[in-house]
Amino acid sequence: MSASRPKESLRDAYGQTLAELGALDPRMVVLDADLSGSTRTALFGQKFPERFFNVGVMEPTMMTIAAGLALGGRTVFASTFAVFAAGQAYNTVRQSICYNHANVKIVATHGGLLVGGDGGTHQMVEDIGLMRGLPGMTVVVPADAPTTRAAVRAVAERDGPAYLRLPRENLPVVTDGSFKIGVAAELRSGADLTIVAVGALVARALEVAEELSHVGVSTRVLDLASVKPFDAPALLRAARETGALLVLEEHSVLTGVGALVAATTAENYPVPVRRVGVPDVFGESGEPWALLDRYGMSKERIREEAWELLRLRGKVQ
């Protein structure tokens, strides 16, 4: 974590933006599954109680209602924790929302290991892969509050289903909020190596890139907040121009962004790719940021993987 960058709540950014959009779009409705204080949908509910529905602890039912409202002409936001939105309600999201191309925006909070003390049962690290595999689903993983605000507006304007994944923890502000669906933001230019990151690990990518610059290594950093659709041209340009890609994600390395990057480069422009993320295990209870270190996403591990890629390219000894 960078001490020099201010931290903001992505959940607060979501709730505030929802309330702003609600004033502009009288067709918008918001649903929650008895977690509106945590997801921050309560901010919308306070301003527009007639368009806010607390469904209770019935996540599949919430998704069914959301699909029905959307097919009736409403713009619908539905929120709960990621483990319930992508796990408990997966088949309903698939059948009721995606199969019907319903205009439902699922904003799932408390994603990843940063749930911390809630432990492995609530640390959803498979959701990006699950949602990315659904036909027609837009998937966004913001790195900070400015990107969250822009992403909520972007999916509200885009027809069809969307999934936004937000963390419980506040994150450093690392972008200017100029998010566009399908576009990767180049947060730092570089010629020796590219780090592709999403969510909480974008800040760590920038920190490692800065440290590497002190020993003469030029590192490009791409924020792949738009996971689906993703910016294949930016990835392939990075592969051609820097020759190696290091992918960072607070998600299973088996099915997430690392798998996406590896497949894209293998099919189009093969270069060395290393993946840093959650291994094939469940998480455990612990201090949120310490869990990232414990499961292999520390800055030290990221530096080691970057150095190994540089060795493979003959950039260092």
Protein backbone atom coordinates (compact mmCIF):
# COMPACT_ATOMS: atom_id res chain seq x y z
CA MET A 1 0.00 0.00 0.00
CA SER A 2 1.26 3.45 -0.86
CA ALA A 3 1.39 5.88 2.00
CA SER A 4 1.65 8.84 -0.37
CA ARG A 5 -1.63 8.23 -2.19
CA PRO A 6 -4.95 9.15 -0.57
CA LYS A 7 -7.30 6.23 0.02
CA GLU A 8 -11.01 6.26 -0.74
CA SER A 9 -13.88 3.83 -0.33
CA LEU A 10 -14.99 2.28 -3.60
CA ARG A 11 -18.26 1.30 -1.94
CA ASP A 12 -18.95 4.91 -0.97
CA ALA A 13 -18.17 5.97 -4.54
CA TYR A 14 -20.68 3.42 -5.78
CA GLY A 15 -23.47 4.48 -3.43
CA GLN A 16 -22.96 8.17 -4.09
CA THR A 17 -22.96 7.66 -7.85
CA LEU A 18 -26.11 5.54 -7.65
CA ALA A 19 -27.90 8.38 -5.86
CA GLU A 20 -26.71 10.86 -8.49
CA LEU A 21 -27.90 8.64 -11.34
CA GLY A 22 -31.23 8.08 -9.61
CA ALA A 23 -31.94 11.79 -9.82
CA LEU A 24 -31.31 11.71 -13.57
CA ASP A 25 -33.11 8.48 -14.48
CA PRO A 26 -36.60 7.96 -13.02
CA ARG A 27 -36.62 4.43 -14.50
CA MET A 28 -33.73 3.31 -12.29
CA VAL A 29 -34.45 0.91 -9.45
CA VAL A 30 -32.04 -0.59 -6.93
CA LEU A 31 -32.26 -3.94 -5.16
CA ASP A 32 -30.29 -5.27 -2.22
CA ALA A 33 -30.23 -8.48 -0.21
CA ASP A 34 -30.28 -7.10 3.34
CA LEU A 35 -26.76 -5.65 3.14
CA SER A 36 -27.51 -2.10 2.01
CA GLY A 37 -25.38 -0.53 4.73
CA SER A 38 -22.35 -2.50 3.63
CA THR A 39 -22.94 -2.23 -0.10
CA ARG A 40 -23.87 1.48 0.25
CA THR A 41 -27.07 1.09 -1.76
CA ALA A 42 -28.73 2.63 1.31
CA LEU A 43 -27.60 6.01 -0.04
CA PHE A 44 -29.93 5.49 -3.00
CA GLY A 45 -32.68 4.15 -0.76
CA GLN A 46 -32.61 7.22 1.45
CA LYS A 47 -33.23 9.51 -1.53
CA PHE A 48 -35.58 7.29 -3.53
CA PRO A 49 -37.34 4.89 -1.15
CA GLU A 50 -40.08 4.16 -3.69
CA ARG A 51 -37.45 2.78 -6.10
CA PHE A 52 -35.40 0.83 -3.57
CA PHE A 53 -36.21 -2.77 -2.61
CA ASN A 54 -34.58 -4.78 0.16
CA VAL A 55 -35.34 -8.34 -0.90
CA GLY A 56 -33.86 -9.92 2.21
CA VAL A 57 -31.43 -12.82 2.38
CA MET A 58 -32.66 -14.31 -0.89
CA GLU A 59 -30.02 -13.57 -3.48
CA PRO A 60 -31.36 -15.81 -6.29
CA THR A 61 -34.80 -14.26 -5.77
CA MET A 62 -33.27 -10.80 -5.96
CA MET A 63 -31.71 -11.63 -9.33
CA THR A 64 -35.03 -13.00 -10.62
CA ILE A 65 -36.85 -9.84 -9.57
CA ALA A 66 -34.08 -7.72 -11.10
CA ALA A 67 -34.45 -9.55 -14.41
CA GLY A 68 -38.21 -9.07 -14.42
CA LEU A 69 -37.94 -5.35 -13.70
CA ALA A 70 -35.30 -4.94 -16.40
CA LEU A 71 -37.37 -6.80 -18.98
CA GLY A 72 -40.21 -4.43 -18.06
CA GLY A 73 -38.10 -1.45 -19.10
CA ARG A 74 -36.23 -0.50 -15.94
CA THR A 75 -32.52 0.09 -15.44
CA VAL A 76 -31.75 -2.16 -12.49
CA PHE A 77 -28.82 -2.24 -10.06
CA ALA A 78 -28.65 -5.25 -7.75
CA SER A 79 -26.08 -5.54 -4.97
CA THR A 80 -24.84 -7.97 -2.36
CA PHE A 81 -21.49 -9.48 -1.41
CA ALA A 82 -19.54 -11.11 -4.25
CA VAL A 83 -19.75 -14.59 -2.74
CA PHE A 84 -23.55 -14.37 -2.87
CA ALA A 85 -23.90 -12.49 -6.16
CA ALA A 86 -21.57 -14.69 -8.18
CA GLY A 87 -21.77 -17.86 -6.08
CA GLN A 88 -25.15 -18.27 -4.43
CA ALA A 89 -27.07 -16.71 -7.32
CA TYR A 90 -24.94 -17.89 -10.25
CA ASN A 91 -27.52 -20.02 -12.03
CA THR A 92 -30.19 -17.34 -11.68
CA VAL A 93 -27.80 -14.75 -13.09
CA ARG A 94 -27.10 -17.11 -15.97
CA GLN A 95 -30.67 -18.11 -16.77
CA SER A 96 -32.75 -15.07 -15.83
CA ILE A 97 -30.36 -12.21 -16.54
CA CYS A 98 -27.77 -13.22 -19.14
CA TYR A 99 -29.90 -15.62 -21.19
CA ASN A 100 -32.50 -12.86 -21.55
CA HIS A 101 -29.90 -10.09 -21.99
CA ALA A 102 -31.67 -8.25 -19.17
CA ASN A 103 -30.48 -4.76 -18.35
CA VAL A 104 -29.27 -5.62 -14.83
CA LYS A 105 -26.11 -4.22 -13.30
CA ILE A 106 -24.78 -6.47 -10.54
CA VAL A 107 -22.44 -4.55 -8.26
CA ALA A 108 -20.81 -7.07 -5.93
CA THR A 109 -18.93 -5.74 -2.94
CA HIS A 110 -16.57 -7.54 -0.54
CA GLY A 111 -14.80 -9.39 -3.35
CA GLY A 112 -11.50 -11.21 -2.93
CA LEU A 113 -9.25 -11.90 0.04
CA LEU A 114 -9.59 -8.33 1.34
CA VAL A 115 -12.80 -9.41 3.07
CA GLY A 116 -10.24 -10.37 5.72
CA GLY A 117 -11.62 -11.82 8.92
CA ASP A 118 -14.76 -13.25 7.29
CA GLY A 119 -12.54 -16.06 6.03
CA GLY A 120 -12.54 -18.49 3.14
CA THR A 121 -16.32 -18.94 3.05
CA HIS A 122 -16.76 -15.26 2.15
CA GLN A 123 -13.54 -14.56 0.22
CA MET A 124 -14.83 -14.93 -3.32
CA VAL A 125 -11.83 -15.42 -5.60
CA GLU A 126 -13.59 -17.18 -8.49
CA ASP A 127 -16.13 -14.53 -9.51
CA ILE A 128 -14.24 -12.83 -12.35
CA GLY A 129 -13.87 -16.16 -14.12
CA LEU A 130 -17.49 -17.13 -13.51
CA MET A 131 -18.90 -13.83 -14.74
CA ARG A 132 -16.48 -13.51 -17.67
CA GLY A 133 -17.71 -16.84 -18.97
CA LEU A 134 -21.34 -15.74 -19.22
CA PRO A 135 -22.38 -14.69 -22.74
CA GLY A 136 -23.12 -10.98 -23.01
CA MET A 137 -21.89 -10.11 -19.51
CA THR A 138 -19.77 -6.97 -19.11
CA VAL A 139 -17.19 -7.38 -16.31
CA VAL A 140 -15.44 -4.47 -14.60
CA VAL A 141 -12.95 -4.52 -11.70
CA PRO A 142 -12.11 -0.93 -10.69
CA ALA A 143 -8.79 -0.04 -9.08
CA ASP A 144 -10.01 2.99 -7.15
CA ALA A 145 -12.92 5.30 -6.35
CA PRO A 146 -12.62 7.57 -9.42
CA THR A 147 -12.74 4.53 -11.74
CA THR A 148 -15.70 3.17 -9.76
CA ARG A 149 -17.68 6.36 -10.29
CA ALA A 150 -16.95 6.33 -14.01
CA ALA A 151 -17.64 2.60 -14.32
CA VAL A 152 -21.03 2.82 -12.61
CA ARG A 153 -22.04 5.54 -15.05
CA ALA A 154 -20.66 3.60 -17.99
CA VAL A 155 -22.56 0.39 -17.25
CA ALA A 156 -25.73 2.38 -16.53
CA GLU A 157 -25.54 3.76 -20.08
CA ARG A 158 -24.69 0.39 -21.65
CA ASP A 159 -27.55 -1.93 -22.50
CA GLY A 160 -27.38 -5.43 -21.08
CA PRO A 161 -26.01 -7.23 -18.02
CA ALA A 162 -22.91 -6.11 -16.18
CA TYR A 163 -20.88 -7.23 -13.16
CA LEU A 164 -18.77 -4.80 -11.12
CA ARG A 165 -16.53 -6.18 -8.40
CA LEU A 166 -15.64 -3.91 -5.46
CA PRO A 167 -13.49 -4.59 -2.36
CA ARG A 168 -14.34 -4.05 1.27
CA GLU A 169 -11.12 -2.09 1.90
CA ASN A 170 -10.43 1.49 0.88
CA LEU A 171 -7.88 1.68 -1.95
CA PRO A 172 -5.33 4.34 -2.97
CA VAL A 173 -6.41 6.69 -5.75
CA VAL A 174 -4.27 5.70 -8.74
CA THR A 175 -6.29 6.88 -11.76
CA ASP A 176 -7.90 10.06 -13.02
CA GLY A 177 -11.23 8.28 -13.46
CA SER A 178 -11.19 8.41 -17.25
CA PHE A 179 -12.58 4.89 -17.55
CA LYS A 180 -14.08 3.52 -20.78
CA ILE A 181 -15.52 0.06 -21.29
CA GLY A 182 -13.19 -1.98 -23.49
CA VAL A 183 -10.17 0.28 -22.93
CA ALA A 184 -7.13 -0.49 -20.76
CA ALA A 185 -5.65 2.56 -19.04
CA GLU A 186 -1.89 2.91 -19.42
CA LEU A 187 -0.95 4.34 -16.02
CA ARG A 188 2.78 4.26 -16.66
CA SER A 189 4.80 3.95 -19.86
CA GLY A 190 7.69 1.52 -20.20
CA ALA A 191 9.74 -0.52 -22.65
CA ASP A 192 11.33 -3.40 -20.69
CA LEU A 193 8.33 -5.09 -19.07
CA THR A 194 4.56 -4.68 -18.75
CA ILE A 195 2.60 -5.24 -15.56
CA VAL A 196 -1.11 -5.83 -16.18
CA ALA A 197 -3.16 -5.43 -13.01
CA VAL A 198 -6.73 -5.14 -11.78
CA GLY A 199 -8.41 -3.99 -8.59
CA ALA A 200 -6.42 -3.74 -5.39
CA LEU A 201 -3.16 -4.81 -7.06
CA VAL A 202 -2.96 -1.85 -9.45
CA ALA A 203 -1.47 0.29 -6.68
CA ARG A 204 1.12 -2.39 -5.94
CA ALA A 205 1.95 -2.62 -9.63
CA LEU A 206 2.71 1.10 -9.69
CA GLU A 207 4.84 0.86 -6.55
CA VAL A 208 6.91 -1.99 -7.96
CA ALA A 209 7.28 -0.16 -11.29
CA GLU A 210 8.61 2.87 -9.46
CA GLU A 211 11.09 0.74 -7.49
CA LEU A 212 12.29 -0.95 -10.68
CA SER A 213 12.88 2.46 -12.28
CA HIS A 214 15.52 3.13 -9.61
CA VAL A 215 17.63 0.30 -11.05
CA GLY A 216 17.10 1.32 -14.65
CA VAL A 217 14.13 -0.88 -15.56
CA SER A 218 11.39 0.79 -17.60
CA THR A 219 8.02 -0.77 -16.67
CA ARG A 220 4.68 -0.19 -18.35
CA VAL A 221 1.57 -0.52 -16.15
CA LEU A 222 -1.83 -1.32 -17.64
CA ASP A 223 -5.02 -1.17 -15.58
CA LEU A 224 -7.32 -3.77 -17.14
CA ALA A 225 -10.40 -2.59 -15.23
CA SER A 226 -12.54 -3.51 -18.23
CA VAL A 227 -12.08 -7.27 -18.07
CA LYS A 228 -14.86 -7.97 -20.56
CA PRO A 229 -14.82 -6.58 -23.15
CA PHE A 230 -11.05 -6.23 -22.78
CA ASP A 231 -8.50 -4.19 -24.69
CA ALA A 232 -6.75 -6.86 -26.80
CA PRO A 233 -4.90 -4.26 -28.91
CA ALA A 234 -3.33 -2.70 -25.80
CA LEU A 235 -2.25 -6.12 -24.51
CA LEU A 236 -0.75 -7.17 -27.81
CA ARG A 237 0.97 -3.82 -28.26
CA ALA A 238 2.51 -4.26 -24.82
CA ALA A 239 3.60 -7.78 -25.75
CA ARG A 240 5.29 -6.55 -28.94
CA GLU A 241 6.90 -3.47 -27.40
CA THR A 242 8.03 -4.80 -24.01
CA GLY A 243 8.36 -8.55 -24.68
CA ALA A 244 6.99 -9.84 -21.36
CA LEU A 245 3.83 -9.50 -19.27
CA LEU A 246 3.33 -9.87 -15.53
CA VAL A 247 -0.33 -10.14 -14.46
CA LEU A 248 -1.54 -9.23 -10.96
CA GLU A 249 -5.01 -10.04 -9.63
CA GLU A 250 -6.70 -10.69 -6.30
CA HIS A 251 -8.42 -13.70 -7.83
CA SER A 252 -7.72 -17.32 -8.67
CA VAL A 253 -4.87 -17.58 -11.14
CA LEU A 254 -6.68 -20.52 -12.76
CA THR A 255 -9.57 -18.60 -14.33
CA GLY A 256 -9.03 -14.86 -13.99
CA VAL A 257 -7.26 -12.06 -15.79
CA GLY A 258 -3.96 -13.93 -15.90
CA ALA A 259 -5.61 -16.74 -17.84
CA LEU A 260 -7.16 -14.17 -20.19
CA VAL A 261 -3.82 -12.47 -20.86
CA ALA A 262 -1.96 -15.75 -21.32
CA ALA A 263 -4.53 -17.05 -23.81
CA THR A 264 -4.61 -13.78 -25.76
CA THR A 265 -0.85 -13.60 -26.16
CA ALA A 266 -0.44 -17.33 -26.85
CA GLU A 267 -2.89 -17.11 -29.75
CA ASN A 268 -1.65 -13.84 -31.21
CA TYR A 269 1.88 -12.88 -30.11
CA PRO A 270 3.53 -15.36 -27.72
CA VAL A 271 5.76 -13.80 -25.07
CA PRO A 272 6.68 -14.86 -21.52
CA VAL A 273 3.75 -14.34 -19.13
CA ARG A 274 3.79 -14.74 -15.35
CA ARG A 275 0.64 -14.75 -13.19
CA VAL A 276 0.47 -13.49 -9.62
CA GLY A 277 -2.80 -14.14 -7.81
CA VAL A 278 -4.53 -16.56 -5.49
CA PRO A 279 -3.29 -20.16 -5.88
CA ASP A 280 -5.62 -23.15 -6.03
CA VAL A 281 -6.69 -22.87 -2.38
CA PHE A 282 -9.39 -21.34 -0.19
CA GLY A 283 -8.49 -18.33 1.90
CA GLU A 284 -8.55 -18.01 5.67
CA SER A 285 -9.37 -15.41 8.29
CA GLY A 286 -6.79 -12.69 8.78
CA GLU A 287 -5.85 -9.05 8.43
CA PRO A 288 -6.84 -8.07 4.88
CA TRP A 289 -3.55 -6.79 3.52
CA ALA A 290 -1.54 -9.47 5.30
CA LEU A 291 -3.63 -12.07 3.48
CA LEU A 292 -2.46 -10.73 0.12
CA ASP A 293 1.12 -11.22 1.26
CA ARG A 294 0.43 -14.68 2.67
CA TYR A 295 -1.14 -15.90 -0.56
CA GLY A 296 1.65 -14.72 -2.83
CA MET A 297 0.70 -11.17 -3.80
CA SER A 298 3.31 -9.28 -1.77
CA LYS A 299 5.46 -6.59 -3.35
CA GLU A 300 8.46 -8.85 -2.79
CA ARG A 301 6.86 -11.66 -4.80
CA ILE A 302 5.85 -9.23 -7.55
CA ARG A 303 9.42 -7.93 -7.75
CA GLU A 304 10.78 -11.47 -7.93
CA GLU A 305 8.45 -12.40 -10.78
CA ALA A 306 9.29 -9.18 -12.62
CA TRP A 307 13.01 -9.87 -12.24
CA GLU A 308 12.59 -13.41 -13.54
CA LEU A 309 10.83 -12.11 -16.64
CA LEU A 310 13.61 -9.60 -17.17
CA ARG A 311 16.16 -12.45 -16.94
CA LEU A 312 14.22 -14.44 -19.52
CA ARG A 313 14.43 -11.47 -21.86
CA GLY A 314 18.14 -10.95 -21.20
CA LYS A 315 17.53 -7.53 -19.69
CA VAL A 316 19.28 -8.39 -16.41
CA GLN A 317 21.70 -11.06 -15.19
